[in-house]
N, C-alpha and C. Protein backbone atom coordinates (compact mmCIF):
# COMPACT_ATOMS: atom_id res chain seq x y z
N VAL A 1 3.08 -26.30 -9.86
CA VAL A 1 1.90 -25.44 -9.99
C VAL A 1 2.34 -24.00 -9.86
N HIS A 2 1.68 -23.11 -10.55
CA HIS A 2 2.13 -21.72 -10.67
C HIS A 2 2.12 -20.92 -9.37
N LYS A 3 1.54 -21.43 -8.31
CA LYS A 3 1.53 -20.68 -7.04
C LYS A 3 2.91 -20.65 -6.37
N GLY A 4 3.82 -21.48 -6.84
CA GLY A 4 5.21 -21.38 -6.41
C GLY A 4 5.53 -21.90 -5.01
N ILE A 5 4.71 -22.76 -4.46
CA ILE A 5 4.94 -23.24 -3.11
C ILE A 5 6.23 -24.08 -3.03
N GLY A 6 6.54 -24.83 -4.06
CA GLY A 6 7.80 -25.58 -4.06
C GLY A 6 8.99 -24.66 -3.96
N HIS A 7 8.97 -23.56 -4.73
CA HIS A 7 10.05 -22.56 -4.64
C HIS A 7 10.08 -21.94 -3.23
N LEU A 8 8.90 -21.67 -2.68
CA LEU A 8 8.84 -21.10 -1.34
C LEU A 8 9.50 -22.03 -0.32
N LEU A 9 9.22 -23.33 -0.41
CA LEU A 9 9.82 -24.27 0.52
C LEU A 9 11.35 -24.25 0.45
N ARG A 10 11.89 -24.24 -0.76
CA ARG A 10 13.34 -24.19 -0.91
C ARG A 10 13.90 -22.86 -0.39
N THR A 11 13.15 -21.77 -0.57
CA THR A 11 13.58 -20.48 -0.03
C THR A 11 13.57 -20.50 1.48
N LEU A 12 12.55 -21.11 2.08
CA LEU A 12 12.47 -21.18 3.54
C LEU A 12 13.60 -22.03 4.11
N ALA A 13 13.98 -23.08 3.40
CA ALA A 13 15.12 -23.89 3.84
C ALA A 13 16.40 -23.05 3.81
N ALA A 14 16.56 -22.25 2.77
CA ALA A 14 17.73 -21.36 2.68
C ALA A 14 17.67 -20.30 3.77
N LEU A 15 16.48 -19.80 4.09
CA LEU A 15 16.34 -18.81 5.17
C LEU A 15 16.73 -19.44 6.51
N ARG A 16 16.25 -20.62 6.78
CA ARG A 16 16.58 -21.32 8.02
C ARG A 16 18.09 -21.47 8.18
N ASP A 17 18.77 -21.76 7.06
CA ASP A 17 20.22 -21.97 7.10
C ASP A 17 21.01 -20.67 7.29
N ARG A 18 20.43 -19.53 6.94
CA ARG A 18 21.17 -18.28 7.03
C ARG A 18 20.72 -17.39 8.19
N ASP A 19 19.55 -17.64 8.77
CA ASP A 19 18.98 -16.76 9.78
C ASP A 19 18.53 -17.63 10.96
N SER A 20 19.13 -17.43 12.10
CA SER A 20 18.85 -18.31 13.26
C SER A 20 17.55 -17.97 13.96
N ARG A 21 16.89 -16.89 13.58
CA ARG A 21 15.62 -16.55 14.22
C ARG A 21 14.55 -17.58 13.87
N PRO A 22 13.72 -17.95 14.84
CA PRO A 22 12.66 -18.93 14.54
C PRO A 22 11.59 -18.34 13.62
N PHE A 23 10.93 -19.21 12.89
CA PHE A 23 9.80 -18.78 12.07
C PHE A 23 8.86 -19.96 11.85
N THR A 24 7.64 -19.64 11.57
CA THR A 24 6.64 -20.62 11.15
C THR A 24 5.91 -20.02 9.95
N ALA A 25 5.87 -20.77 8.88
CA ALA A 25 5.11 -20.35 7.68
C ALA A 25 3.82 -21.13 7.65
N ARG A 26 2.73 -20.40 7.56
CA ARG A 26 1.40 -21.00 7.45
C ARG A 26 0.97 -20.89 5.99
N ILE A 27 0.78 -22.02 5.34
CA ILE A 27 0.34 -22.05 3.94
C ILE A 27 -1.17 -22.20 3.96
N LEU A 28 -1.86 -21.15 3.52
CA LEU A 28 -3.31 -21.11 3.55
C LEU A 28 -3.88 -21.22 2.14
N GLY A 29 -4.95 -21.95 1.99
CA GLY A 29 -5.63 -22.04 0.71
C GLY A 29 -5.96 -23.48 0.37
N PRO A 30 -6.99 -23.68 -0.43
CA PRO A 30 -7.44 -25.03 -0.77
C PRO A 30 -6.47 -25.74 -1.69
N GLU A 31 -6.53 -27.06 -1.63
CA GLU A 31 -5.75 -27.88 -2.56
C GLU A 31 -6.47 -27.83 -3.91
N VAL A 32 -5.79 -27.33 -4.94
CA VAL A 32 -6.43 -27.18 -6.24
C VAL A 32 -6.03 -28.27 -7.21
N VAL A 33 -5.03 -29.05 -6.85
CA VAL A 33 -4.60 -30.19 -7.68
C VAL A 33 -4.51 -31.39 -6.75
N ASP A 34 -5.22 -32.46 -7.11
CA ASP A 34 -5.22 -33.65 -6.27
C ASP A 34 -3.80 -34.14 -6.02
N GLY A 35 -3.48 -34.39 -4.77
CA GLY A 35 -2.17 -34.94 -4.39
C GLY A 35 -1.09 -33.89 -4.20
N LEU A 36 -1.38 -32.64 -4.50
CA LEU A 36 -0.36 -31.60 -4.41
C LEU A 36 0.12 -31.40 -2.97
N VAL A 37 -0.82 -31.36 -2.03
CA VAL A 37 -0.42 -31.13 -0.64
C VAL A 37 0.44 -32.29 -0.14
N ALA A 38 0.11 -33.51 -0.52
CA ALA A 38 0.94 -34.65 -0.12
C ALA A 38 2.36 -34.54 -0.68
N GLN A 39 2.45 -34.11 -1.94
CA GLN A 39 3.77 -33.93 -2.56
C GLN A 39 4.55 -32.81 -1.86
N LEU A 40 3.85 -31.69 -1.59
CA LEU A 40 4.52 -30.56 -0.91
C LEU A 40 4.89 -30.90 0.52
N THR A 41 4.06 -31.68 1.19
CA THR A 41 4.38 -32.12 2.55
C THR A 41 5.64 -32.98 2.54
N ALA A 42 5.75 -33.87 1.57
CA ALA A 42 6.96 -34.70 1.45
C ALA A 42 8.18 -33.83 1.17
N ASP A 43 8.02 -32.81 0.32
CA ASP A 43 9.12 -31.86 0.03
C ASP A 43 9.51 -31.11 1.30
N ARG A 44 8.51 -30.64 2.03
CA ARG A 44 8.75 -29.94 3.29
C ARG A 44 9.57 -30.80 4.24
N ASP A 45 9.17 -32.05 4.39
CA ASP A 45 9.85 -32.96 5.32
C ASP A 45 11.27 -33.28 4.84
N ARG A 46 11.42 -33.49 3.53
CA ARG A 46 12.75 -33.77 2.96
C ARG A 46 13.70 -32.59 3.20
N LEU A 47 13.17 -31.36 3.17
CA LEU A 47 13.99 -30.16 3.40
C LEU A 47 14.19 -29.86 4.88
N GLY A 48 13.62 -30.69 5.74
CA GLY A 48 13.80 -30.47 7.18
C GLY A 48 12.99 -29.30 7.71
N LEU A 49 11.83 -29.04 7.14
CA LEU A 49 11.02 -27.87 7.51
C LEU A 49 9.76 -28.26 8.29
N ARG A 50 9.67 -29.48 8.74
CA ARG A 50 8.46 -29.95 9.44
C ARG A 50 8.06 -29.03 10.59
N ASP A 51 9.04 -28.52 11.32
CA ASP A 51 8.75 -27.64 12.45
C ASP A 51 8.54 -26.19 12.04
N HIS A 52 8.69 -25.88 10.76
CA HIS A 52 8.62 -24.50 10.29
C HIS A 52 7.46 -24.19 9.36
N VAL A 53 6.87 -25.21 8.74
CA VAL A 53 5.83 -24.99 7.70
C VAL A 53 4.61 -25.84 8.03
N ARG A 54 3.45 -25.17 8.02
CA ARG A 54 2.15 -25.85 8.23
C ARG A 54 1.26 -25.61 7.03
N PHE A 55 0.69 -26.68 6.49
CA PHE A 55 -0.30 -26.58 5.44
C PHE A 55 -1.68 -26.61 6.10
N GLU A 56 -2.40 -25.50 6.02
CA GLU A 56 -3.68 -25.39 6.74
C GLU A 56 -4.90 -25.54 5.82
N GLY A 57 -4.70 -25.55 4.52
CA GLY A 57 -5.81 -25.72 3.60
C GLY A 57 -6.73 -24.51 3.57
N LYS A 58 -7.96 -24.78 3.15
CA LYS A 58 -8.97 -23.71 3.09
C LYS A 58 -9.35 -23.36 4.53
N VAL A 59 -9.35 -22.07 4.82
CA VAL A 59 -9.63 -21.64 6.20
C VAL A 59 -10.81 -20.66 6.22
N SER A 60 -11.37 -20.48 7.38
CA SER A 60 -12.48 -19.53 7.54
C SER A 60 -11.96 -18.11 7.46
N ILE A 61 -12.85 -17.18 7.26
CA ILE A 61 -12.47 -15.77 7.20
C ILE A 61 -11.86 -15.31 8.53
N ASP A 62 -12.35 -15.84 9.63
CA ASP A 62 -11.79 -15.48 10.95
C ASP A 62 -10.34 -15.97 11.09
N VAL A 63 -10.08 -17.18 10.63
CA VAL A 63 -8.70 -17.70 10.67
C VAL A 63 -7.80 -16.88 9.75
N LEU A 64 -8.31 -16.53 8.58
CA LEU A 64 -7.55 -15.73 7.64
C LEU A 64 -7.21 -14.35 8.25
N ARG A 65 -8.21 -13.71 8.85
CA ARG A 65 -7.97 -12.42 9.49
C ARG A 65 -6.92 -12.53 10.58
N ASP A 66 -7.01 -13.59 11.39
CA ASP A 66 -6.03 -13.81 12.46
C ASP A 66 -4.65 -14.02 11.87
N ALA A 67 -4.56 -14.75 10.79
CA ALA A 67 -3.26 -14.98 10.14
C ALA A 67 -2.64 -13.68 9.68
N VAL A 68 -3.44 -12.82 9.07
CA VAL A 68 -2.93 -11.53 8.60
C VAL A 68 -2.53 -10.66 9.81
N ARG A 69 -3.33 -10.68 10.84
CA ARG A 69 -3.07 -9.86 12.02
C ARG A 69 -1.80 -10.27 12.74
N THR A 70 -1.50 -11.56 12.77
CA THR A 70 -0.39 -12.06 13.57
C THR A 70 0.90 -12.34 12.77
N ALA A 71 0.83 -12.31 11.47
CA ALA A 71 1.99 -12.64 10.64
C ALA A 71 3.05 -11.55 10.68
N GLU A 72 4.28 -11.96 10.56
CA GLU A 72 5.40 -11.03 10.45
C GLU A 72 5.46 -10.48 9.02
N LEU A 73 5.25 -11.34 8.04
CA LEU A 73 5.31 -10.98 6.62
C LEU A 73 4.28 -11.79 5.87
N GLY A 74 3.90 -11.34 4.68
CA GLY A 74 3.08 -12.12 3.76
C GLY A 74 3.98 -12.57 2.61
N LEU A 75 4.06 -13.87 2.39
CA LEU A 75 4.91 -14.41 1.34
C LEU A 75 4.05 -14.86 0.18
N PHE A 76 4.31 -14.30 -1.00
CA PHE A 76 3.49 -14.57 -2.19
C PHE A 76 4.42 -15.01 -3.32
N PRO A 77 4.67 -16.34 -3.44
CA PRO A 77 5.62 -16.83 -4.43
C PRO A 77 5.05 -17.18 -5.79
N ALA A 78 3.81 -16.79 -6.08
CA ALA A 78 3.17 -17.19 -7.34
C ALA A 78 3.97 -16.72 -8.55
N GLU A 79 4.24 -17.66 -9.43
CA GLU A 79 4.97 -17.32 -10.64
C GLU A 79 4.12 -16.50 -11.61
N TYR A 80 2.80 -16.67 -11.52
CA TYR A 80 1.89 -15.93 -12.39
C TYR A 80 0.65 -15.55 -11.60
N GLU A 81 0.20 -14.34 -11.78
CA GLU A 81 -1.07 -13.87 -11.25
C GLU A 81 -1.65 -12.89 -12.26
N SER A 82 -2.94 -12.92 -12.42
CA SER A 82 -3.57 -11.94 -13.32
C SER A 82 -3.76 -10.62 -12.59
N PHE A 83 -3.90 -10.65 -11.26
CA PHE A 83 -4.01 -9.41 -10.48
C PHE A 83 -3.36 -9.57 -9.13
N GLY A 84 -3.97 -10.29 -8.22
CA GLY A 84 -3.40 -10.48 -6.90
C GLY A 84 -4.29 -9.94 -5.79
N ILE A 85 -5.56 -10.32 -5.82
CA ILE A 85 -6.49 -9.83 -4.79
C ILE A 85 -6.06 -10.23 -3.38
N SER A 86 -5.45 -11.41 -3.24
CA SER A 86 -4.99 -11.84 -1.91
C SER A 86 -3.88 -10.92 -1.41
N VAL A 87 -3.06 -10.40 -2.31
CA VAL A 87 -2.02 -9.45 -1.92
C VAL A 87 -2.67 -8.16 -1.43
N VAL A 88 -3.64 -7.64 -2.16
CA VAL A 88 -4.32 -6.41 -1.75
C VAL A 88 -4.99 -6.59 -0.40
N GLU A 89 -5.64 -7.72 -0.19
CA GLU A 89 -6.30 -7.98 1.09
C GLU A 89 -5.29 -8.02 2.23
N ALA A 90 -4.17 -8.68 2.02
CA ALA A 90 -3.14 -8.78 3.06
C ALA A 90 -2.54 -7.40 3.34
N MET A 91 -2.25 -6.64 2.29
CA MET A 91 -1.70 -5.31 2.47
C MET A 91 -2.71 -4.41 3.17
N GLY A 92 -3.98 -4.58 2.84
CA GLY A 92 -5.03 -3.80 3.49
C GLY A 92 -5.08 -4.06 4.99
N GLY A 93 -4.64 -5.24 5.39
CA GLY A 93 -4.57 -5.58 6.81
C GLY A 93 -3.24 -5.15 7.43
N GLY A 94 -2.41 -4.45 6.65
CA GLY A 94 -1.14 -3.95 7.16
C GLY A 94 0.00 -4.93 7.07
N LEU A 95 -0.18 -6.02 6.37
CA LEU A 95 0.87 -7.02 6.25
C LEU A 95 1.86 -6.58 5.15
N VAL A 96 3.14 -6.59 5.47
CA VAL A 96 4.17 -6.24 4.49
C VAL A 96 4.42 -7.48 3.63
N PRO A 97 4.23 -7.38 2.30
CA PRO A 97 4.40 -8.56 1.46
C PRO A 97 5.82 -8.71 0.90
N VAL A 98 6.20 -9.96 0.70
CA VAL A 98 7.40 -10.29 -0.07
C VAL A 98 6.87 -11.07 -1.27
N LEU A 99 6.87 -10.40 -2.41
CA LEU A 99 6.19 -10.88 -3.61
C LEU A 99 7.15 -11.43 -4.64
N GLN A 100 6.72 -12.51 -5.31
CA GLN A 100 7.47 -13.00 -6.46
C GLN A 100 7.55 -11.86 -7.47
N ASP A 101 8.70 -11.67 -8.05
CA ASP A 101 8.88 -10.60 -9.03
C ASP A 101 8.22 -11.03 -10.35
N ASN A 102 6.90 -10.84 -10.41
CA ASN A 102 6.17 -11.12 -11.64
C ASN A 102 5.46 -9.84 -12.07
N ARG A 103 4.98 -9.82 -13.28
CA ARG A 103 4.43 -8.61 -13.86
C ARG A 103 3.29 -8.01 -13.02
N ALA A 104 2.37 -8.83 -12.55
CA ALA A 104 1.23 -8.31 -11.77
C ALA A 104 1.68 -7.77 -10.44
N PHE A 105 2.59 -8.45 -9.77
CA PHE A 105 2.97 -8.04 -8.41
C PHE A 105 3.86 -6.80 -8.39
N ARG A 106 4.55 -6.50 -9.45
CA ARG A 106 5.41 -5.31 -9.48
C ARG A 106 4.64 -4.03 -9.18
N TYR A 107 3.37 -3.97 -9.53
CA TYR A 107 2.57 -2.78 -9.32
C TYR A 107 2.32 -2.52 -7.83
N PHE A 108 2.47 -3.52 -7.01
CA PHE A 108 2.20 -3.35 -5.58
C PHE A 108 3.37 -2.78 -4.80
N VAL A 109 4.56 -2.86 -5.36
CA VAL A 109 5.75 -2.45 -4.63
C VAL A 109 6.21 -1.08 -5.12
N GLU A 110 6.01 -0.09 -4.24
CA GLU A 110 6.48 1.26 -4.47
C GLU A 110 7.05 1.76 -3.16
N GLY A 111 8.33 2.06 -3.15
CA GLY A 111 8.94 2.53 -1.91
C GLY A 111 8.86 1.48 -0.83
N LYS A 112 8.16 1.80 0.25
CA LYS A 112 8.11 0.94 1.43
C LYS A 112 6.83 0.12 1.53
N THR A 113 6.25 -0.24 0.39
CA THR A 113 5.01 -1.02 0.41
C THR A 113 5.25 -2.52 0.43
N GLY A 114 6.47 -2.96 0.18
CA GLY A 114 6.74 -4.39 0.16
C GLY A 114 8.06 -4.66 -0.54
N PHE A 115 8.32 -5.94 -0.75
CA PHE A 115 9.57 -6.39 -1.35
C PHE A 115 9.28 -7.31 -2.52
N LEU A 116 10.18 -7.29 -3.51
CA LEU A 116 10.13 -8.24 -4.62
C LEU A 116 11.28 -9.22 -4.46
N ALA A 117 11.03 -10.49 -4.78
CA ALA A 117 12.04 -11.53 -4.70
C ALA A 117 11.81 -12.51 -5.82
N ASP A 118 12.85 -13.22 -6.21
CA ASP A 118 12.73 -14.31 -7.17
C ASP A 118 12.82 -15.61 -6.38
N TYR A 119 11.67 -16.16 -6.01
CA TYR A 119 11.62 -17.39 -5.24
C TYR A 119 12.22 -18.57 -5.99
N GLY A 120 12.38 -18.45 -7.30
CA GLY A 120 13.03 -19.49 -8.08
C GLY A 120 14.53 -19.55 -7.83
N LYS A 121 15.06 -18.55 -7.14
CA LYS A 121 16.46 -18.50 -6.74
C LYS A 121 16.47 -18.45 -5.21
N PRO A 122 16.38 -19.61 -4.56
CA PRO A 122 16.16 -19.66 -3.11
C PRO A 122 17.14 -18.86 -2.26
N GLU A 123 18.42 -18.89 -2.59
CA GLU A 123 19.41 -18.15 -1.77
C GLU A 123 19.15 -16.64 -1.85
N GLU A 124 18.88 -16.15 -3.07
CA GLU A 124 18.61 -14.72 -3.24
C GLU A 124 17.30 -14.34 -2.56
N ALA A 125 16.29 -15.15 -2.73
CA ALA A 125 15.00 -14.85 -2.09
C ALA A 125 15.12 -14.90 -0.57
N ALA A 126 15.90 -15.82 -0.04
CA ALA A 126 16.11 -15.90 1.41
C ALA A 126 16.78 -14.62 1.92
N ALA A 127 17.68 -14.07 1.14
CA ALA A 127 18.33 -12.80 1.53
C ALA A 127 17.29 -11.68 1.60
N VAL A 128 16.35 -11.66 0.66
CA VAL A 128 15.28 -10.67 0.70
C VAL A 128 14.40 -10.87 1.92
N LEU A 129 14.05 -12.12 2.20
CA LEU A 129 13.23 -12.40 3.39
C LEU A 129 13.95 -11.96 4.66
N ALA A 130 15.24 -12.22 4.76
CA ALA A 130 16.01 -11.79 5.93
C ALA A 130 15.99 -10.27 6.06
N ARG A 131 16.14 -9.56 4.96
CA ARG A 131 16.07 -8.09 4.98
C ARG A 131 14.69 -7.63 5.44
N ALA A 132 13.65 -8.28 4.95
CA ALA A 132 12.29 -7.91 5.34
C ALA A 132 12.05 -8.18 6.83
N ARG A 133 12.64 -9.23 7.34
CA ARG A 133 12.52 -9.54 8.77
C ARG A 133 13.27 -8.55 9.63
N ASP A 134 14.22 -7.83 9.05
CA ASP A 134 15.03 -6.87 9.79
C ASP A 134 14.42 -5.48 9.88
N LEU A 135 13.18 -5.31 9.50
CA LEU A 135 12.57 -3.98 9.51
C LEU A 135 12.54 -3.35 10.90
N GLY A 136 12.38 -4.15 11.91
CA GLY A 136 12.41 -3.66 13.28
C GLY A 136 11.43 -2.52 13.51
N ALA A 137 11.96 -1.41 14.01
CA ALA A 137 11.12 -0.25 14.35
C ALA A 137 10.48 0.38 13.12
N ASP A 138 11.02 0.10 11.92
CA ASP A 138 10.45 0.65 10.69
C ASP A 138 9.23 -0.13 10.21
N ARG A 139 8.95 -1.27 10.85
CA ARG A 139 7.84 -2.11 10.39
C ARG A 139 6.51 -1.35 10.36
N ALA A 140 6.25 -0.53 11.36
CA ALA A 140 4.99 0.23 11.40
C ALA A 140 4.86 1.14 10.19
N GLU A 141 5.95 1.78 9.81
CA GLU A 141 5.93 2.66 8.63
C GLU A 141 5.66 1.87 7.36
N TRP A 142 6.29 0.71 7.23
CA TRP A 142 6.09 -0.15 6.07
C TRP A 142 4.66 -0.67 6.05
N SER A 143 4.15 -1.03 7.20
CA SER A 143 2.78 -1.53 7.31
C SER A 143 1.79 -0.45 6.89
N ALA A 144 2.01 0.76 7.34
CA ALA A 144 1.14 1.88 6.94
C ALA A 144 1.21 2.12 5.44
N ALA A 145 2.40 2.02 4.87
CA ALA A 145 2.57 2.22 3.42
C ALA A 145 1.84 1.11 2.64
N ALA A 146 1.91 -0.11 3.15
CA ALA A 146 1.19 -1.24 2.51
C ALA A 146 -0.31 -1.00 2.55
N ARG A 147 -0.81 -0.55 3.71
CA ARG A 147 -2.26 -0.25 3.84
C ARG A 147 -2.67 0.86 2.86
N ALA A 148 -1.86 1.91 2.79
CA ALA A 148 -2.18 3.02 1.89
C ALA A 148 -2.18 2.56 0.42
N LYS A 149 -1.23 1.72 0.07
CA LYS A 149 -1.20 1.21 -1.33
C LYS A 149 -2.46 0.37 -1.59
N ALA A 150 -2.84 -0.45 -0.64
CA ALA A 150 -4.04 -1.27 -0.82
C ALA A 150 -5.27 -0.41 -1.01
N GLN A 151 -5.32 0.73 -0.32
CA GLN A 151 -6.48 1.62 -0.45
C GLN A 151 -6.64 2.16 -1.87
N THR A 152 -5.56 2.20 -2.63
CA THR A 152 -5.69 2.67 -4.02
C THR A 152 -6.48 1.70 -4.88
N TYR A 153 -6.72 0.49 -4.33
CA TYR A 153 -7.52 -0.52 -5.03
C TYR A 153 -8.91 -0.66 -4.41
N SER A 154 -9.28 0.22 -3.49
CA SER A 154 -10.60 0.15 -2.86
C SER A 154 -11.68 0.49 -3.87
N TRP A 155 -12.90 0.08 -3.59
CA TRP A 155 -14.01 0.38 -4.49
C TRP A 155 -14.16 1.88 -4.70
N ASP A 156 -14.05 2.64 -3.63
CA ASP A 156 -14.19 4.09 -3.76
C ASP A 156 -13.15 4.68 -4.70
N ALA A 157 -11.90 4.25 -4.55
CA ALA A 157 -10.84 4.78 -5.41
C ALA A 157 -11.03 4.34 -6.86
N VAL A 158 -11.36 3.08 -7.06
CA VAL A 158 -11.50 2.55 -8.42
C VAL A 158 -12.72 3.15 -9.10
N ILE A 159 -13.83 3.26 -8.39
CA ILE A 159 -15.03 3.86 -8.98
C ILE A 159 -14.78 5.29 -9.38
N GLY A 160 -14.05 6.03 -8.54
CA GLY A 160 -13.72 7.41 -8.90
C GLY A 160 -12.91 7.48 -10.17
N GLU A 161 -11.97 6.59 -10.33
CA GLU A 161 -11.17 6.56 -11.56
C GLU A 161 -12.02 6.20 -12.77
N LEU A 162 -12.90 5.20 -12.61
CA LEU A 162 -13.78 4.82 -13.72
C LEU A 162 -14.72 5.95 -14.13
N GLU A 163 -15.26 6.62 -13.14
CA GLU A 163 -16.14 7.76 -13.42
C GLU A 163 -15.40 8.83 -14.21
N ALA A 164 -14.16 9.09 -13.86
CA ALA A 164 -13.35 10.09 -14.57
C ALA A 164 -13.12 9.67 -16.02
N VAL A 165 -12.87 8.38 -16.24
CA VAL A 165 -12.68 7.89 -17.61
C VAL A 165 -13.98 8.04 -18.40
N TYR A 166 -15.10 7.65 -17.81
CA TYR A 166 -16.40 7.81 -18.50
C TYR A 166 -16.69 9.26 -18.83
N GLU A 167 -16.39 10.16 -17.92
CA GLU A 167 -16.60 11.59 -18.18
C GLU A 167 -15.76 12.06 -19.35
N ARG A 168 -14.49 11.65 -19.40
CA ARG A 168 -13.63 12.06 -20.51
C ARG A 168 -14.12 11.52 -21.83
N VAL A 169 -14.51 10.24 -21.84
CA VAL A 169 -14.99 9.63 -23.08
C VAL A 169 -16.29 10.29 -23.53
N SER A 170 -17.18 10.53 -22.58
CA SER A 170 -18.46 11.17 -22.91
C SER A 170 -18.23 12.57 -23.45
N ALA A 171 -17.33 13.30 -22.84
CA ALA A 171 -17.03 14.67 -23.30
C ALA A 171 -16.44 14.65 -24.70
N GLN A 172 -15.59 13.70 -24.99
CA GLN A 172 -15.00 13.58 -26.33
C GLN A 172 -16.06 13.23 -27.36
N ARG A 173 -17.00 12.38 -27.00
CA ARG A 173 -18.06 12.00 -27.93
C ARG A 173 -19.01 13.15 -28.20
N ARG A 174 -19.23 14.02 -27.20
CA ARG A 174 -20.14 15.15 -27.35
C ARG A 174 -19.51 16.31 -28.12
N SER A 175 -18.17 16.43 -28.06
CA SER A 175 -17.55 17.58 -28.72
C SER A 175 -17.51 17.37 -30.23
N PRO A 176 -17.71 18.45 -30.99
CA PRO A 176 -17.67 18.34 -32.45
C PRO A 176 -16.24 18.02 -32.92
N ARG A 177 -16.18 17.31 -34.01
CA ARG A 177 -14.86 16.92 -34.53
C ARG A 177 -14.45 17.79 -35.67
């Protein structure tokens, strides 16, 4: 499935093998394909990640907020996204994302707003995750940059841009040719 959870599991196994620091990945979201969670759970167990990965399914907004507030990183391995509202929401909460290098997600990474990785290459993606985990004292700066980037997608910012476009188009239509 295009959300890339299988690739994420293989990346987390590679991370576990290269980085001795403990981690727990919480996979949030509803099962959209019958039997997918069972298949992914079997993959998780086969990779020896039972103690590292939890599938939580569809969660309440309070659980989601808590997940964003307490997470070290936001991992987004989707091979395809038309936009990425979940990325904007996580960044708005100050979560530093590690995003699959796809066309939609590239717009979110500028400077210190997050990281791009190819989760289809687990060893390389694990190296990116390890680098992201090493932010240390710089994490607050990255978190602030992620929040600021998310604000560029707020209703106020977007409406202002749309109003400017409408003004330009209206002015062009009113001017004689």
